[in-house]
Amino acid sequence: MDIAPQQPSTQFLTLEESAKVDAALLSSPEKFLTRLTISSLKLLKHIAQEYNIPIEDLTTQQVIDWFEKDSKIRREQGIEASFLKW
């Protein structure tokens, strides 16, 4: 499998962060949840920055709207134009 470096927008955990999670005294499901939580925090920070508001002011609807917008960009312009690359 070819592992190319990901663009900053698609790499939500750095190698250092991933290594720290791996070294933590956690079960596999806990490590997965930890990675997901760290990635989610980074994504929420990005969304808040796009709305130009503090992260704590983000609403559920704004998060949903952001995902809809990113999904539309991916459908209409291709995966490389969207923020999330999946």
C-alpha atoms as a PDB file:
ATOM      1  CA  MET A   1       0.000   0.000   0.000  1.00  0.00           C
ATOM      2  CA  ASP A   2       1.365   3.406  -0.981  1.00  0.00           C
ATOM      3  CA  ILE A   3       1.287   5.840   1.920  1.00  0.00           C
ATOM      4  CA  ALA A   4       1.708   9.369   0.609  1.00  0.00           C
ATOM      5  CA  PRO A   5       1.943  12.331   2.965  1.00  0.00           C
ATOM      6  CA  GLN A   6      -1.464  13.843   3.438  1.00  0.00           C
ATOM      7  CA  GLN A   7      -2.294  17.480   2.997  1.00  0.00           C
ATOM      8  CA  PRO A   8      -2.637  19.373   6.293  1.00  0.00           C
ATOM      9  CA  SER A   9      -6.422  19.563   5.886  1.00  0.00           C
ATOM     10  CA  THR A  10      -6.750  15.784   5.753  1.00  0.00           C
ATOM     11  CA  GLN A  11      -4.255  14.793   8.422  1.00  0.00           C
ATOM     12  CA  PHE A  12      -6.064  15.319  11.691  1.00  0.00           C
ATOM     13  CA  LEU A  13      -3.492  13.595  13.905  1.00  0.00           C
ATOM     14  CA  THR A  14       0.196  14.293  13.614  1.00  0.00           C
ATOM     15  CA  LEU A  15       2.627  11.412  13.873  1.00  0.00           C
ATOM     16  CA  GLU A  16       3.641  12.717  17.301  1.00  0.00           C
ATOM     17  CA  GLU A  17       0.031  12.838  18.510  1.00  0.00           C
ATOM     18  CA  SER A  18      -0.639   9.362  17.175  1.00  0.00           C
ATOM     19  CA  ALA A  19       2.470   8.039  18.932  1.00  0.00           C
ATOM     20  CA  LYS A  20       1.326   9.634  22.196  1.00  0.00           C
ATOM     21  CA  VAL A  21      -2.066   7.951  21.885  1.00  0.00           C
ATOM     22  CA  ASP A  22      -0.370   4.629  21.086  1.00  0.00           C
ATOM     23  CA  ALA A  23       1.816   4.976  24.201  1.00  0.00           C
ATOM     24  CA  ALA A  24      -1.141   5.789  26.460  1.00  0.00           C
ATOM     25  CA  LEU A  25      -2.320   3.105  28.847  1.00  0.00           C
ATOM     26  CA  LEU A  26      -5.659   2.716  27.090  1.00  0.00           C
ATOM     27  CA  SER A  27      -7.576  -0.127  25.511  1.00  0.00           C
ATOM     28  CA  SER A  28      -7.922  -0.224  21.727  1.00  0.00           C
ATOM     29  CA  PRO A  29     -11.481   1.194  21.825  1.00  0.00           C
ATOM     30  CA  GLU A  30     -10.295   3.976  24.160  1.00  0.00           C
ATOM     31  CA  LYS A  31      -7.409   4.804  21.826  1.00  0.00           C
ATOM     32  CA  PHE A  32      -9.817   4.971  18.900  1.00  0.00           C
ATOM     33  CA  LEU A  33     -12.111   7.327  20.833  1.00  0.00           C
ATOM     34  CA  THR A  34      -9.125   9.451  21.869  1.00  0.00           C
ATOM     35  CA  ARG A  35      -7.984   9.794  18.239  1.00  0.00           C
ATOM     36  CA  LEU A  36     -11.530  10.617  17.164  1.00  0.00           C
ATOM     37  CA  THR A  37     -11.857  13.249  19.892  1.00  0.00           C
ATOM     38  CA  ILE A  38      -8.549  14.938  19.022  1.00  0.00           C
ATOM     39  CA  SER A  39      -9.472  14.926  15.326  1.00  0.00           C
ATOM     40  CA  SER A  40     -12.928  16.300  16.117  1.00  0.00           C
ATOM     41  CA  LEU A  41     -11.453  19.124  18.172  1.00  0.00           C
ATOM     42  CA  LYS A  42      -9.200  20.118  15.280  1.00  0.00           C
ATOM     43  CA  LEU A  43     -12.120  20.009  12.852  1.00  0.00           C
ATOM     44  CA  LEU A  44     -14.312  22.089  15.180  1.00  0.00           C
ATOM     45  CA  LYS A  45     -11.512  24.651  15.459  1.00  0.00           C
ATOM     46  CA  HIS A  46     -11.370  24.807  11.640  1.00  0.00           C
ATOM     47  CA  ILE A  47     -15.156  25.210  11.365  1.00  0.00           C
ATOM     48  CA  ALA A  48     -15.185  27.953  14.010  1.00  0.00           C
ATOM     49  CA  GLN A  49     -12.382  29.739  12.175  1.00  0.00           C
ATOM     50  CA  GLU A  50     -14.379  29.621   8.922  1.00  0.00           C
ATOM     51  CA  TYR A  51     -17.352  31.185  10.733  1.00  0.00           C
ATOM     52  CA  ASN A  52     -14.959  33.624  12.448  1.00  0.00           C
ATOM     53  CA  ILE A  53     -16.365  32.806  15.881  1.00  0.00           C
ATOM     54  CA  PRO A  54     -15.005  31.211  19.059  1.00  0.00           C
ATOM     55  CA  ILE A  55     -15.320  27.422  19.054  1.00  0.00           C
ATOM     56  CA  GLU A  56     -17.583  27.533  22.098  1.00  0.00           C
ATOM     57  CA  ASP A  57     -20.081  29.627  20.131  1.00  0.00           C
ATOM     58  CA  LEU A  58     -20.513  27.014  17.380  1.00  0.00           C
ATOM     59  CA  THR A  59     -24.022  25.659  17.163  1.00  0.00           C
ATOM     60  CA  THR A  60     -25.146  22.230  16.094  1.00  0.00           C
ATOM     61  CA  GLN A  61     -26.774  23.793  13.027  1.00  0.00           C
ATOM     62  CA  GLN A  62     -23.544  25.531  12.011  1.00  0.00           C
ATOM     63  CA  VAL A  63     -21.653  22.231  12.191  1.00  0.00           C
ATOM     64  CA  ILE A  64     -24.337  20.508  10.110  1.00  0.00           C
ATOM     65  CA  ASP A  65     -24.349  23.388   7.605  1.00  0.00           C
ATOM     66  CA  TRP A  66     -20.551  23.228   7.327  1.00  0.00           C
ATOM     67  CA  PHE A  67     -20.634  19.487   6.595  1.00  0.00           C
ATOM     68  CA  GLU A  68     -23.358  20.015   3.998  1.00  0.00           C
ATOM     69  CA  LYS A  69     -21.293  22.758   2.340  1.00  0.00           C
ATOM     70  CA  ASP A  70     -18.119  20.644   2.313  1.00  0.00           C
ATOM     71  CA  SER A  71     -20.058  17.668   0.943  1.00  0.00           C
ATOM     72  CA  LYS A  72     -21.525  19.838  -1.832  1.00  0.00           C
ATOM     73  CA  ILE A  73     -18.055  21.114  -2.748  1.00  0.00           C
ATOM     74  CA  ARG A  74     -16.785  17.513  -2.927  1.00  0.00           C
ATOM     75  CA  ARG A  75     -19.699  16.453  -5.165  1.00  0.00           C
ATOM     76  CA  GLU A  76     -19.529  19.463  -7.482  1.00  0.00           C
ATOM     77  CA  GLN A  77     -15.794  20.244  -7.606  1.00  0.00           C
ATOM     78  CA  GLY A  78     -14.148  16.980  -6.599  1.00  0.00           C
ATOM     79  CA  ILE A  79     -12.542  15.634  -3.492  1.00  0.00           C
ATOM     80  CA  GLU A  80      -9.444  17.820  -3.780  1.00  0.00           C
ATOM     81  CA  ALA A  81     -11.577  20.971  -3.516  1.00  0.00           C
ATOM     82  CA  SER A  82     -13.228  19.882  -0.270  1.00  0.00           C
ATOM     83  CA  PHE A  83     -11.698  20.136   3.189  1.00  0.00           C
ATOM     84  CA  LEU A  84     -12.468  16.536   4.175  1.00  0.00           C
ATOM     85  CA  LYS A  85     -10.847  14.010   1.891  1.00  0.00           C
ATOM     86  CA  TRP A  86     -12.903  10.845   2.300  1.00  0.00           C
END
